């Protein structure tokens, strides 16, 4: 069983593990974080697999995690495995250039304590690291705005039949093919598509698929 990561203490630096597949980015972050006396980088990983192995060995307080890691498992999967480790794992602070609703939702659902954009100022990054080490949520202002907007405007609710049709639509099937696959008439398909468009706020098939993917309406 993996030992639980000890809580960060105010009398020692926050121990950081960097995970980014770009060596130049890691080098830049290392130089930046070295300038903060109360933050210590104890390891670097270029893949999700490396991050998991190093986290188990080094037991950092916070893992600074990129979402896109090239070949192998991605940042979201790595985050989920880190935060669900037996006995408890480190806090994960996502640091990425991506701020789509889908990326934010996936990272938070995977257990990320915070979500920061790489465009943030150094002092914002330092503050977010300390917040994450204490288990407090840290979000970039644009990310926080998107989260609040989504809370105010929850995802549309689709019926089972509408989800079935949307799934067929995502596969590139036409109305006749969808009707045949679901054993319904083309007229019924058209009726359901109209309702789907209304609920998603779109007027094209490609728009419906794009919104459905971003809002994770497709399984």
N, C-alpha and C. Protein backbone atom coordinates (compact mmCIF):
# COMPACT_ATOMS: atom_id res chain seq x y z
N UNK A 1 0.85 -1.19 0.00
CA UNK A 1 0.00 0.00 0.00
C UNK A 1 0.88 1.24 0.00
N UNK A 2 0.51 2.23 -0.84
CA UNK A 2 1.27 3.47 -0.92
C UNK A 2 1.01 4.32 0.32
N UNK A 3 2.08 4.81 0.92
CA UNK A 3 1.92 5.63 2.12
C UNK A 3 1.30 6.96 1.75
N UNK A 4 0.50 7.48 2.64
CA UNK A 4 -0.15 8.76 2.38
C UNK A 4 0.87 9.88 2.37
N UNK A 5 0.67 10.83 1.47
CA UNK A 5 1.55 11.98 1.43
C UNK A 5 1.32 12.83 2.68
N UNK A 6 2.37 13.14 3.44
CA UNK A 6 2.18 13.95 4.65
C UNK A 6 1.71 15.33 4.29
N UNK A 7 0.87 15.94 5.12
CA UNK A 7 0.39 17.29 4.82
C UNK A 7 1.53 18.29 4.80
N UNK A 8 1.40 19.30 3.92
CA UNK A 8 2.42 20.34 3.85
C UNK A 8 2.48 21.08 5.19
N UNK A 9 3.69 21.42 5.62
CA UNK A 9 3.85 22.12 6.89
C UNK A 9 4.33 23.54 6.63
N UNK A 10 3.89 24.48 7.43
CA UNK A 10 4.30 25.88 7.23
C UNK A 10 5.78 26.10 7.54
N UNK A 11 6.42 25.13 8.24
CA UNK A 11 7.82 25.33 8.63
C UNK A 11 8.79 24.77 7.61
N UNK A 12 8.30 24.30 6.46
CA UNK A 12 9.20 23.83 5.41
C UNK A 12 8.62 24.19 4.05
N UNK A 13 9.47 24.23 3.01
CA UNK A 13 8.97 24.58 1.67
C UNK A 13 7.95 23.56 1.17
N UNK A 14 7.07 24.01 0.30
CA UNK A 14 6.14 23.11 -0.36
C UNK A 14 6.92 22.29 -1.37
N UNK A 15 6.80 20.99 -1.31
CA UNK A 15 7.57 20.09 -2.16
C UNK A 15 6.78 19.80 -3.44
N UNK A 16 7.40 20.11 -4.59
CA UNK A 16 6.72 20.07 -5.88
C UNK A 16 7.32 19.01 -6.80
N UNK A 17 6.43 18.31 -7.51
CA UNK A 17 6.83 17.45 -8.61
C UNK A 17 6.28 18.06 -9.89
N UNK A 18 7.16 18.32 -10.87
CA UNK A 18 6.74 18.89 -12.15
C UNK A 18 6.42 17.76 -13.13
N UNK A 19 5.32 17.90 -13.87
CA UNK A 19 5.00 16.93 -14.91
C UNK A 19 4.59 17.69 -16.17
N UNK A 20 5.48 17.70 -17.15
CA UNK A 20 5.24 18.36 -18.43
C UNK A 20 6.12 17.65 -19.46
N UNK A 21 5.56 17.40 -20.64
CA UNK A 21 6.32 16.63 -21.63
C UNK A 21 7.34 17.48 -22.39
N UNK A 22 7.36 18.79 -22.17
CA UNK A 22 8.34 19.65 -22.84
C UNK A 22 9.47 20.00 -21.88
N UNK A 23 10.67 19.57 -22.23
CA UNK A 23 11.83 19.80 -21.37
C UNK A 23 12.09 21.29 -21.17
N UNK A 24 11.88 22.08 -22.22
CA UNK A 24 12.12 23.52 -22.12
C UNK A 24 11.15 24.16 -21.13
N UNK A 25 9.90 23.71 -21.15
CA UNK A 25 8.90 24.23 -20.21
C UNK A 25 9.29 23.85 -18.78
N UNK A 26 9.70 22.61 -18.60
CA UNK A 26 10.10 22.17 -17.26
C UNK A 26 11.29 23.00 -16.77
N UNK A 27 12.24 23.27 -17.66
CA UNK A 27 13.42 24.04 -17.27
C UNK A 27 13.01 25.46 -16.86
N UNK A 28 12.07 26.04 -17.60
CA UNK A 28 11.60 27.38 -17.26
C UNK A 28 10.88 27.41 -15.93
N UNK A 29 10.03 26.40 -15.70
CA UNK A 29 9.32 26.33 -14.43
C UNK A 29 10.28 26.09 -13.27
N UNK A 30 11.28 25.25 -13.50
CA UNK A 30 12.26 24.97 -12.45
C UNK A 30 12.99 26.25 -12.05
N UNK A 31 13.42 27.03 -13.05
CA UNK A 31 14.12 28.28 -12.76
C UNK A 31 13.20 29.25 -12.02
N UNK A 32 11.93 29.30 -12.43
CA UNK A 32 10.99 30.20 -11.79
C UNK A 32 10.72 29.80 -10.35
N UNK A 33 10.46 28.52 -10.14
CA UNK A 33 10.13 28.05 -8.79
C UNK A 33 11.32 28.09 -7.85
N UNK A 34 12.52 27.97 -8.42
CA UNK A 34 13.72 28.07 -7.59
C UNK A 34 13.88 29.46 -6.99
N UNK A 35 13.20 30.44 -7.60
CA UNK A 35 13.30 31.81 -7.07
C UNK A 35 12.39 32.03 -5.87
N UNK A 36 11.53 31.06 -5.59
CA UNK A 36 10.63 31.16 -4.44
C UNK A 36 11.23 30.39 -3.27
N UNK A 37 11.58 31.05 -2.19
CA UNK A 37 12.25 30.38 -1.07
C UNK A 37 11.39 29.34 -0.36
N UNK A 38 10.07 29.44 -0.50
CA UNK A 38 9.19 28.52 0.22
C UNK A 38 8.60 27.44 -0.69
N UNK A 39 9.24 27.22 -1.85
CA UNK A 39 8.83 26.16 -2.77
C UNK A 39 10.06 25.39 -3.20
N UNK A 40 10.00 24.08 -3.17
CA UNK A 40 11.13 23.24 -3.55
C UNK A 40 10.69 22.20 -4.58
N UNK A 41 11.34 22.18 -5.73
CA UNK A 41 11.06 21.18 -6.76
C UNK A 41 11.90 19.94 -6.45
N UNK A 42 11.23 18.83 -6.20
CA UNK A 42 11.95 17.62 -5.80
C UNK A 42 12.02 16.58 -6.92
N UNK A 43 11.36 16.88 -8.07
CA UNK A 43 11.42 15.92 -9.16
C UNK A 43 10.77 16.46 -10.42
N UNK A 44 11.13 15.87 -11.56
CA UNK A 44 10.57 16.24 -12.85
C UNK A 44 10.15 14.99 -13.60
N UNK A 45 9.01 15.06 -14.28
CA UNK A 45 8.52 13.94 -15.07
C UNK A 45 8.08 14.44 -16.44
N UNK A 46 8.39 13.67 -17.47
CA UNK A 46 7.99 14.03 -18.82
C UNK A 46 6.79 13.27 -19.32
N UNK A 47 6.35 12.26 -18.55
CA UNK A 47 5.18 11.47 -18.93
C UNK A 47 4.32 11.21 -17.70
N UNK A 48 3.09 10.80 -17.94
CA UNK A 48 2.22 10.45 -16.83
C UNK A 48 2.75 9.28 -16.04
N UNK A 49 3.30 8.31 -16.75
CA UNK A 49 3.84 7.13 -16.08
C UNK A 49 4.99 7.50 -15.15
N UNK A 50 5.86 8.40 -15.62
CA UNK A 50 6.98 8.85 -14.79
C UNK A 50 6.47 9.59 -13.56
N UNK A 51 5.44 10.39 -13.74
CA UNK A 51 4.88 11.15 -12.63
C UNK A 51 4.33 10.22 -11.55
N UNK A 52 3.64 9.18 -11.96
CA UNK A 52 3.09 8.22 -10.99
C UNK A 52 4.21 7.53 -10.21
N UNK A 53 5.26 7.13 -10.91
CA UNK A 53 6.37 6.44 -10.25
C UNK A 53 7.10 7.37 -9.29
N UNK A 54 7.37 8.60 -9.74
CA UNK A 54 8.09 9.54 -8.89
C UNK A 54 7.25 9.99 -7.70
N UNK A 55 5.95 10.16 -7.90
CA UNK A 55 5.09 10.58 -6.79
C UNK A 55 5.07 9.52 -5.69
N UNK A 56 5.04 8.25 -6.10
CA UNK A 56 5.05 7.17 -5.11
C UNK A 56 6.37 7.12 -4.35
N UNK A 57 7.44 7.48 -5.03
CA UNK A 57 8.76 7.42 -4.42
C UNK A 57 9.08 8.67 -3.59
N UNK A 58 8.76 9.85 -4.13
CA UNK A 58 9.18 11.11 -3.51
C UNK A 58 8.13 11.72 -2.58
N UNK A 59 6.87 11.35 -2.77
CA UNK A 59 5.76 11.85 -1.96
C UNK A 59 5.73 13.38 -1.88
N UNK A 60 5.53 14.04 -3.03
CA UNK A 60 5.45 15.51 -3.04
C UNK A 60 4.17 16.00 -2.39
N UNK A 61 4.17 17.27 -2.03
CA UNK A 61 2.95 17.89 -1.52
C UNK A 61 1.99 18.19 -2.67
N UNK A 62 2.57 18.67 -3.79
CA UNK A 62 1.78 19.08 -4.94
C UNK A 62 2.44 18.59 -6.22
N UNK A 63 1.64 18.09 -7.14
CA UNK A 63 2.12 17.76 -8.49
C UNK A 63 1.60 18.85 -9.42
N UNK A 64 2.52 19.52 -10.11
CA UNK A 64 2.16 20.54 -11.09
C UNK A 64 2.00 19.82 -12.42
N UNK A 65 0.76 19.71 -12.90
CA UNK A 65 0.42 18.78 -13.96
C UNK A 65 -0.04 19.46 -15.26
N UNK A 66 0.62 19.13 -16.36
CA UNK A 66 0.14 19.55 -17.66
C UNK A 66 -0.92 18.54 -18.11
N UNK A 67 -1.82 18.95 -19.00
CA UNK A 67 -2.88 18.04 -19.45
C UNK A 67 -2.45 17.21 -20.65
N UNK A 68 -1.73 17.81 -21.58
CA UNK A 68 -1.30 17.10 -22.78
C UNK A 68 0.12 16.61 -22.59
N UNK A 69 0.28 15.27 -22.54
CA UNK A 69 1.59 14.70 -22.23
C UNK A 69 2.17 13.84 -23.34
N UNK A 70 1.64 13.95 -24.55
CA UNK A 70 2.18 13.16 -25.63
C UNK A 70 1.81 11.69 -25.50
N UNK A 71 2.67 10.78 -25.98
CA UNK A 71 2.38 9.34 -25.90
C UNK A 71 2.20 8.89 -24.44
N UNK A 72 1.36 7.88 -24.26
CA UNK A 72 1.11 7.38 -22.91
C UNK A 72 -0.14 8.00 -22.32
N UNK A 73 -0.31 7.87 -21.01
CA UNK A 73 -1.52 8.38 -20.37
C UNK A 73 -1.46 9.91 -20.29
N UNK A 74 -2.63 10.53 -20.38
CA UNK A 74 -2.67 12.00 -20.37
C UNK A 74 -2.72 12.55 -18.95
N UNK A 75 -2.74 13.87 -18.86
CA UNK A 75 -2.71 14.50 -17.55
C UNK A 75 -3.93 14.22 -16.70
N UNK A 76 -5.10 14.09 -17.35
CA UNK A 76 -6.32 13.81 -16.59
C UNK A 76 -6.26 12.42 -15.97
N UNK A 77 -5.86 11.44 -16.76
CA UNK A 77 -5.74 10.07 -16.24
C UNK A 77 -4.70 10.00 -15.12
N UNK A 78 -3.59 10.68 -15.34
CA UNK A 78 -2.54 10.71 -14.31
C UNK A 78 -3.06 11.36 -13.03
N UNK A 79 -3.79 12.45 -13.18
CA UNK A 79 -4.38 13.12 -12.02
C UNK A 79 -5.30 12.19 -11.26
N UNK A 80 -6.16 11.48 -11.98
CA UNK A 80 -7.11 10.57 -11.34
C UNK A 80 -6.36 9.48 -10.56
N UNK A 81 -5.31 8.95 -11.13
CA UNK A 81 -4.56 7.89 -10.45
C UNK A 81 -3.79 8.43 -9.25
N UNK A 82 -3.29 9.63 -9.36
CA UNK A 82 -2.56 10.22 -8.23
C UNK A 82 -3.49 10.49 -7.06
N UNK A 83 -4.63 11.09 -7.35
CA UNK A 83 -5.53 11.51 -6.27
C UNK A 83 -6.31 10.34 -5.68
N UNK A 84 -6.38 9.23 -6.39
CA UNK A 84 -7.12 8.07 -5.87
C UNK A 84 -6.18 6.98 -5.36
N UNK A 85 -4.91 7.31 -5.19
CA UNK A 85 -3.94 6.31 -4.71
C UNK A 85 -4.34 5.82 -3.32
N UNK A 86 -4.17 4.53 -3.06
CA UNK A 86 -4.49 3.99 -1.73
C UNK A 86 -3.73 4.74 -0.64
N UNK A 87 -4.43 5.11 0.40
CA UNK A 87 -3.78 5.83 1.49
C UNK A 87 -3.71 7.32 1.27
N UNK A 88 -4.13 7.79 0.09
CA UNK A 88 -4.10 9.22 -0.20
C UNK A 88 -2.89 9.61 -1.02
N UNK A 89 -3.09 10.52 -1.96
CA UNK A 89 -1.99 10.96 -2.81
C UNK A 89 -1.77 12.45 -2.67
N UNK A 90 -0.89 13.01 -3.49
CA UNK A 90 -0.61 14.44 -3.42
C UNK A 90 -1.75 15.25 -4.01
N UNK A 91 -1.76 16.53 -3.72
CA UNK A 91 -2.69 17.43 -4.40
C UNK A 91 -2.16 17.67 -5.81
N UNK A 92 -3.06 17.86 -6.75
CA UNK A 92 -2.66 18.10 -8.14
C UNK A 92 -3.14 19.48 -8.56
N UNK A 93 -2.19 20.28 -9.04
CA UNK A 93 -2.50 21.60 -9.57
C UNK A 93 -2.25 21.55 -11.07
N UNK A 94 -3.31 21.62 -11.86
CA UNK A 94 -3.17 21.60 -13.31
C UNK A 94 -2.59 22.94 -13.77
N UNK A 95 -1.58 22.86 -14.64
CA UNK A 95 -0.98 24.06 -15.23
C UNK A 95 -0.93 23.82 -16.73
N UNK A 96 -1.78 24.50 -17.47
CA UNK A 96 -1.96 24.18 -18.88
C UNK A 96 -2.28 25.42 -19.69
N UNK A 97 -2.28 25.26 -21.01
CA UNK A 97 -2.70 26.34 -21.90
C UNK A 97 -4.15 26.17 -22.32
N UNK A 98 -4.76 25.04 -21.96
CA UNK A 98 -6.11 24.72 -22.41
C UNK A 98 -7.15 25.12 -21.36
N UNK A 99 -8.19 25.84 -21.81
CA UNK A 99 -9.22 26.26 -20.86
C UNK A 99 -10.63 26.00 -21.40
N UNK A 100 -10.79 24.92 -22.17
CA UNK A 100 -12.12 24.57 -22.65
C UNK A 100 -12.94 24.00 -21.51
N UNK A 101 -14.25 24.07 -21.63
CA UNK A 101 -15.13 23.52 -20.60
C UNK A 101 -14.84 22.04 -20.37
N UNK A 102 -14.61 21.32 -21.47
CA UNK A 102 -14.38 19.88 -21.35
C UNK A 102 -13.11 19.59 -20.56
N UNK A 103 -12.03 20.33 -20.86
CA UNK A 103 -10.77 20.10 -20.14
C UNK A 103 -10.91 20.43 -18.66
N UNK A 104 -11.54 21.54 -18.36
CA UNK A 104 -11.71 21.95 -16.97
C UNK A 104 -12.54 20.93 -16.21
N UNK A 105 -13.65 20.51 -16.82
CA UNK A 105 -14.54 19.55 -16.16
C UNK A 105 -13.84 18.23 -15.91
N UNK A 106 -13.13 17.74 -16.91
CA UNK A 106 -12.44 16.44 -16.77
C UNK A 106 -11.38 16.50 -15.67
N UNK A 107 -10.63 17.59 -15.63
CA UNK A 107 -9.57 17.71 -14.63
C UNK A 107 -10.14 17.78 -13.21
N UNK A 108 -11.18 18.57 -13.04
CA UNK A 108 -11.78 18.69 -11.71
C UNK A 108 -12.42 17.39 -11.28
N UNK A 109 -13.10 16.73 -12.21
CA UNK A 109 -13.73 15.45 -11.88
C UNK A 109 -12.68 14.39 -11.56
N UNK A 110 -11.47 14.55 -12.11
CA UNK A 110 -10.40 13.59 -11.83
C UNK A 110 -9.76 13.83 -10.47
N UNK A 111 -10.11 14.95 -9.83
CA UNK A 111 -9.60 15.21 -8.49
C UNK A 111 -8.61 16.34 -8.37
N UNK A 112 -8.40 17.11 -9.43
CA UNK A 112 -7.46 18.23 -9.37
C UNK A 112 -7.92 19.25 -8.33
N UNK A 113 -6.99 19.71 -7.51
CA UNK A 113 -7.29 20.72 -6.50
C UNK A 113 -7.41 22.10 -7.12
N UNK A 114 -6.63 22.34 -8.18
CA UNK A 114 -6.66 23.64 -8.83
C UNK A 114 -6.42 23.53 -10.33
N UNK A 115 -6.71 24.61 -11.04
CA UNK A 115 -6.57 24.64 -12.50
C UNK A 115 -6.06 26.02 -12.87
N UNK A 116 -4.81 26.08 -13.32
CA UNK A 116 -4.16 27.34 -13.63
C UNK A 116 -3.72 27.36 -15.09
N UNK A 117 -3.77 28.54 -15.69
CA UNK A 117 -3.30 28.69 -17.06
C UNK A 117 -1.84 29.15 -17.05
N UNK A 118 -1.08 28.73 -18.06
CA UNK A 118 0.34 29.04 -18.11
C UNK A 118 0.61 30.52 -18.32
N UNK A 119 -0.40 31.27 -18.70
CA UNK A 119 -0.23 32.71 -18.90
C UNK A 119 -0.26 33.49 -17.59
N UNK A 120 -0.51 32.81 -16.47
CA UNK A 120 -0.59 33.52 -15.19
C UNK A 120 0.75 34.14 -14.79
N UNK A 121 0.70 35.17 -13.98
CA UNK A 121 1.90 35.80 -13.46
C UNK A 121 2.55 34.89 -12.41
N UNK A 122 3.87 34.97 -12.25
CA UNK A 122 4.58 34.11 -11.29
C UNK A 122 3.97 34.14 -9.90
N UNK A 123 3.62 35.33 -9.41
CA UNK A 123 3.08 35.41 -8.04
C UNK A 123 1.75 34.67 -7.91
N UNK A 124 0.98 34.64 -9.01
CA UNK A 124 -0.28 33.90 -9.00
C UNK A 124 -0.01 32.40 -8.93
N UNK A 125 1.01 31.96 -9.64
CA UNK A 125 1.39 30.55 -9.60
C UNK A 125 1.86 30.16 -8.20
N UNK A 126 2.70 31.00 -7.59
CA UNK A 126 3.19 30.71 -6.25
C UNK A 126 2.02 30.60 -5.26
N UNK A 127 1.11 31.55 -5.35
CA UNK A 127 -0.04 31.55 -4.45
C UNK A 127 -0.89 30.30 -4.66
N UNK A 128 -1.07 29.90 -5.92
CA UNK A 128 -1.88 28.72 -6.22
C UNK A 128 -1.22 27.45 -5.68
N UNK A 129 0.09 27.39 -5.75
CA UNK A 129 0.81 26.23 -5.23
C UNK A 129 0.60 26.11 -3.72
N UNK A 130 0.70 27.20 -3.00
CA UNK A 130 0.49 27.17 -1.56
C UNK A 130 -0.96 26.83 -1.22
N UNK A 131 -1.88 27.36 -2.02
CA UNK A 131 -3.29 27.03 -1.79
C UNK A 131 -3.53 25.54 -2.01
N UNK A 132 -2.97 25.01 -3.09
CA UNK A 132 -3.15 23.58 -3.38
C UNK A 132 -2.54 22.72 -2.30
N UNK A 133 -1.36 23.12 -1.80
CA UNK A 133 -0.70 22.34 -0.75
C UNK A 133 -1.56 22.28 0.51
N UNK A 134 -2.35 23.32 0.73
CA UNK A 134 -3.25 23.36 1.89
C UNK A 134 -4.61 22.75 1.59
N UNK A 135 -4.76 22.24 0.37
CA UNK A 135 -6.03 21.61 0.01
C UNK A 135 -7.11 22.58 -0.40
N UNK A 136 -6.72 23.83 -0.69
CA UNK A 136 -7.70 24.84 -1.10
C UNK A 136 -7.75 24.94 -2.61
N UNK A 137 -8.92 25.19 -3.14
CA UNK A 137 -9.10 25.31 -4.58
C UNK A 137 -8.40 26.55 -5.12
N UNK A 138 -7.70 26.40 -6.23
CA UNK A 138 -7.02 27.52 -6.88
C UNK A 138 -7.36 27.50 -8.36
N UNK A 139 -8.01 28.55 -8.84
CA UNK A 139 -8.42 28.62 -10.24
C UNK A 139 -7.98 29.94 -10.85
N UNK A 140 -7.49 29.89 -12.09
CA UNK A 140 -7.24 31.12 -12.83
C UNK A 140 -8.56 31.86 -12.99
N UNK A 141 -8.50 33.18 -13.07
CA UNK A 141 -9.73 33.97 -13.19
C UNK A 141 -10.58 33.54 -14.39
N UNK A 142 -10.00 33.32 -15.58
CA UNK A 142 -10.83 32.89 -16.71
C UNK A 142 -11.49 31.53 -16.46
N UNK A 143 -10.75 30.65 -15.78
CA UNK A 143 -11.29 29.32 -15.49
C UNK A 143 -12.43 29.43 -14.49
N UNK A 144 -12.23 30.24 -13.45
CA UNK A 144 -13.29 30.44 -12.45
C UNK A 144 -14.54 31.00 -13.11
N UNK A 145 -14.34 31.91 -14.06
CA UNK A 145 -15.49 32.49 -14.76
C UNK A 145 -16.25 31.45 -15.55
N UNK A 146 -15.53 30.55 -16.20
CA UNK A 146 -16.19 29.50 -16.99
C UNK A 146 -16.93 28.53 -16.06
N UNK A 147 -16.32 28.21 -14.93
CA UNK A 147 -16.96 27.29 -13.98
C UNK A 147 -18.26 27.90 -13.47
N UNK A 148 -18.21 29.18 -13.11
CA UNK A 148 -19.41 29.84 -12.60
C UNK A 148 -20.49 29.93 -13.67
N UNK A 149 -20.08 30.21 -14.90
CA UNK A 149 -21.05 30.30 -16.00
C UNK A 149 -21.73 28.96 -16.21
N UNK A 150 -20.96 27.88 -16.11
CA UNK A 150 -21.55 26.55 -16.29
C UNK A 150 -22.49 26.19 -15.15
N UNK A 151 -22.15 26.66 -13.94
CA UNK A 151 -23.04 26.39 -12.81
C UNK A 151 -24.36 27.14 -12.96
N UNK A 152 -24.27 28.34 -13.50
CA UNK A 152 -25.49 29.13 -13.70
C UNK A 152 -26.31 28.60 -14.87
N UNK A 153 -25.62 28.00 -15.84
CA UNK A 153 -26.30 27.45 -17.02
C UNK A 153 -25.93 25.98 -17.14
N UNK A 154 -26.59 25.12 -16.37
CA UNK A 154 -26.25 23.70 -16.38
C UNK A 154 -26.44 23.07 -17.75
N UNK A 155 -25.77 21.93 -17.93
CA UNK A 155 -25.86 21.23 -19.21
C UNK A 155 -27.30 20.86 -19.53
N UNK A 156 -27.68 20.95 -20.81
CA UNK A 156 -29.04 20.59 -21.20
C UNK A 156 -29.32 19.12 -20.93
N UNK A 157 -30.57 18.82 -20.64
CA UNK A 157 -30.97 17.45 -20.39
C UNK A 157 -31.57 16.86 -21.66
N UNK A 158 -30.99 15.79 -22.13
CA UNK A 158 -31.48 15.10 -23.32
C UNK A 158 -32.18 13.81 -22.92
N UNK A 159 -33.19 13.45 -23.68
CA UNK A 159 -33.86 12.17 -23.44
C UNK A 159 -32.96 11.04 -23.94
N UNK A 160 -33.26 9.82 -23.54
CA UNK A 160 -32.48 8.67 -23.98
C UNK A 160 -32.49 8.58 -25.50
N UNK A 161 -33.64 8.81 -26.11
CA UNK A 161 -33.74 8.73 -27.57
C UNK A 161 -32.90 9.82 -28.22
N UNK A 162 -32.92 11.02 -27.65
CA UNK A 162 -32.11 12.11 -28.21
C UNK A 162 -30.63 11.80 -28.09
N UNK A 163 -30.23 11.17 -26.99
CA UNK A 163 -28.83 10.77 -26.83
C UNK A 163 -28.46 9.71 -27.87
N UNK A 164 -29.38 8.79 -28.11
CA UNK A 164 -29.12 7.75 -29.11
C UNK A 164 -28.89 8.38 -30.48
N UNK A 165 -29.76 9.31 -30.84
CA UNK A 165 -29.65 9.96 -32.14
C UNK A 165 -28.38 10.80 -32.21
N UNK A 166 -28.04 11.49 -31.13
CA UNK A 166 -26.83 12.30 -31.10
C UNK A 166 -25.59 11.43 -31.27
N UNK A 167 -25.60 10.26 -30.65
CA UNK A 167 -24.48 9.33 -30.78
C UNK A 167 -24.31 8.88 -32.22
N UNK A 168 -25.43 8.60 -32.90
CA UNK A 168 -25.38 8.20 -34.31
C UNK A 168 -24.90 9.38 -35.16
N UNK A 169 -25.33 10.56 -34.80
CA UNK A 169 -24.94 11.77 -35.52
C UNK A 169 -23.42 11.96 -35.42
N UNK A 170 -22.87 11.68 -34.24
CA UNK A 170 -21.43 11.84 -34.03
C UNK A 170 -20.61 10.87 -34.87
N UNK A 171 -21.25 9.79 -35.29
CA UNK A 171 -20.57 8.81 -36.15
C UNK A 171 -20.67 9.18 -37.62
N UNK A 172 -21.32 10.30 -37.90
CA UNK A 172 -21.42 10.77 -39.27
C UNK A 172 -22.56 10.17 -40.08
N UNK A 173 -23.53 9.56 -39.41
CA UNK A 173 -24.65 8.95 -40.12
C UNK A 173 -25.67 9.99 -40.54
N UNK A 174 -26.31 9.74 -41.70
CA UNK A 174 -27.37 10.61 -42.17
C UNK A 174 -28.70 10.21 -41.56
N UNK A 175 -29.75 10.99 -41.83
CA UNK A 175 -31.06 10.71 -41.24
C UNK A 175 -31.57 9.33 -41.58
N UNK A 176 -31.42 8.92 -42.83
CA UNK A 176 -31.92 7.60 -43.24
C UNK A 176 -31.17 6.49 -42.51
N UNK A 177 -29.87 6.66 -42.38
CA UNK A 177 -29.06 5.63 -41.69
C UNK A 177 -29.40 5.58 -40.20
N UNK A 178 -29.62 6.75 -39.61
CA UNK A 178 -29.99 6.79 -38.19
C UNK A 178 -31.34 6.11 -37.98
N UNK A 179 -32.28 6.41 -38.86
CA UNK A 179 -33.61 5.81 -38.77
C UNK A 179 -33.52 4.29 -38.85
N UNK A 180 -32.71 3.82 -39.77
CA UNK A 180 -32.55 2.37 -39.95
C UNK A 180 -31.89 1.73 -38.72
N UNK A 181 -30.86 2.41 -38.18
CA UNK A 181 -30.13 1.86 -37.04
C UNK A 181 -30.99 1.81 -35.78
N UNK A 182 -31.90 2.77 -35.62
CA UNK A 182 -32.71 2.86 -34.41
C UNK A 182 -34.14 2.35 -34.60
N UNK A 183 -34.42 1.86 -35.82
CA UNK A 183 -35.74 1.29 -36.12
C UNK A 183 -36.87 2.31 -35.91
N UNK A 184 -36.63 3.52 -36.42
CA UNK A 184 -37.65 4.56 -36.37
C UNK A 184 -37.73 5.21 -37.75
N UNK A 185 -38.71 6.06 -37.95
CA UNK A 185 -38.87 6.70 -39.25
C UNK A 185 -37.95 7.92 -39.39
N UNK A 186 -37.70 8.31 -40.64
CA UNK A 186 -36.90 9.50 -40.88
C UNK A 186 -37.58 10.74 -40.30
N UNK A 187 -38.90 10.78 -40.38
CA UNK A 187 -39.63 11.92 -39.84
C UNK A 187 -39.40 12.04 -38.33
N UNK A 188 -39.34 10.90 -37.65
CA UNK A 188 -39.09 10.91 -36.21
C UNK A 188 -37.67 11.40 -35.93
N UNK A 189 -36.73 10.98 -36.75
CA UNK A 189 -35.35 11.44 -36.60
C UNK A 189 -35.28 12.96 -36.72
N UNK A 190 -35.97 13.50 -37.76
CA UNK A 190 -35.96 14.94 -37.98
C UNK A 190 -36.59 15.69 -36.79
N UNK A 191 -37.64 15.13 -36.23
CA UNK A 191 -38.29 15.76 -35.08
C UNK A 191 -37.34 15.82 -33.89
N UNK A 192 -36.68 14.70 -33.63
CA UNK A 192 -35.74 14.65 -32.51
C UNK A 192 -34.54 15.58 -32.75
N UNK A 193 -34.07 15.65 -34.00
CA UNK A 193 -32.94 16.53 -34.30
C UNK A 193 -33.31 17.98 -34.03
N UNK A 194 -34.53 18.36 -34.38
CA UNK A 194 -34.97 19.73 -34.11
C UNK A 194 -34.94 20.04 -32.63
N UNK A 195 -35.38 19.09 -31.82
CA UNK A 195 -35.37 19.28 -30.37
C UNK A 195 -33.94 19.35 -29.83
N UNK A 196 -33.08 18.52 -30.39
CA UNK A 196 -31.67 18.51 -29.97
C UNK A 196 -31.03 19.86 -30.28
N UNK A 197 -31.27 20.36 -31.50
CA UNK A 197 -30.72 21.65 -31.89
C UNK A 197 -31.18 22.76 -30.94
N UNK A 198 -32.46 22.74 -30.61
CA UNK A 198 -33.01 23.76 -29.70
C UNK A 198 -32.35 23.70 -28.33
N UNK A 199 -32.20 22.50 -27.81
CA UNK A 199 -31.62 22.34 -26.47
C UNK A 199 -30.15 22.74 -26.42
N UNK A 200 -29.43 22.47 -27.51
CA UNK A 200 -27.99 22.77 -27.53
C UNK A 200 -27.69 24.17 -28.07
N UNK A 201 -28.71 24.84 -28.57
CA UNK A 201 -28.51 26.19 -29.09
C UNK A 201 -27.71 26.23 -30.38
N UNK A 202 -27.92 25.24 -31.25
CA UNK A 202 -27.20 25.17 -32.53
C UNK A 202 -28.20 25.01 -33.66
N UNK A 203 -27.69 25.10 -34.88
CA UNK A 203 -28.58 24.90 -36.02
C UNK A 203 -27.97 24.02 -37.10
N UNK A 204 -26.88 23.33 -36.76
CA UNK A 204 -26.25 22.41 -37.72
C UNK A 204 -25.89 21.10 -37.03
N UNK A 205 -25.71 20.07 -37.82
CA UNK A 205 -25.32 18.76 -37.29
C UNK A 205 -23.94 18.84 -36.64
N UNK A 206 -23.00 19.49 -37.35
CA UNK A 206 -21.64 19.59 -36.81
C UNK A 206 -21.62 20.40 -35.52
N UNK A 207 -22.47 21.44 -35.45
CA UNK A 207 -22.55 22.23 -34.24
C UNK A 207 -23.06 21.42 -33.07
N UNK A 208 -24.06 20.58 -33.33
CA UNK A 208 -24.62 19.74 -32.27
C UNK A 208 -23.58 18.78 -31.73
N UNK A 209 -22.80 18.19 -32.63
CA UNK A 209 -21.77 17.24 -32.21
C UNK A 209 -20.68 17.95 -31.42
N UNK A 210 -20.28 19.14 -31.88
CA UNK A 210 -19.23 19.88 -31.19
C UNK A 210 -19.65 20.26 -29.77
N UNK A 211 -20.88 20.79 -29.62
CA UNK A 211 -21.37 21.17 -28.29
C UNK A 211 -21.51 19.94 -27.40
N UNK A 212 -22.01 18.85 -27.96
CA UNK A 212 -22.19 17.62 -27.19
C UNK A 212 -20.87 17.10 -26.65
N UNK A 213 -19.81 17.20 -27.47
CA UNK A 213 -18.50 16.74 -27.02
C UNK A 213 -17.95 17.65 -25.95
N UNK A 214 -18.10 18.97 -26.13
CA UNK A 214 -17.56 19.91 -25.15
C UNK A 214 -18.26 19.78 -23.81
N UNK A 215 -19.58 19.52 -23.85
CA UNK A 215 -20.35 19.41 -22.61
C UNK A 215 -20.46 17.97 -22.13
N UNK A 216 -19.73 17.10 -22.76
CA UNK A 216 -19.65 15.69 -22.37
C UNK A 216 -21.03 15.04 -22.30
N UNK A 217 -21.80 15.27 -23.34
CA UNK A 217 -23.13 14.66 -23.44
C UNK A 217 -23.08 13.32 -24.15
N UNK A 218 -21.93 13.03 -24.73
CA UNK A 218 -21.74 11.75 -25.42
C UNK A 218 -20.90 10.85 -24.54
N UNK A 219 -21.32 9.63 -24.35
CA UNK A 219 -20.56 8.70 -23.50
C UNK A 219 -19.43 8.07 -24.28
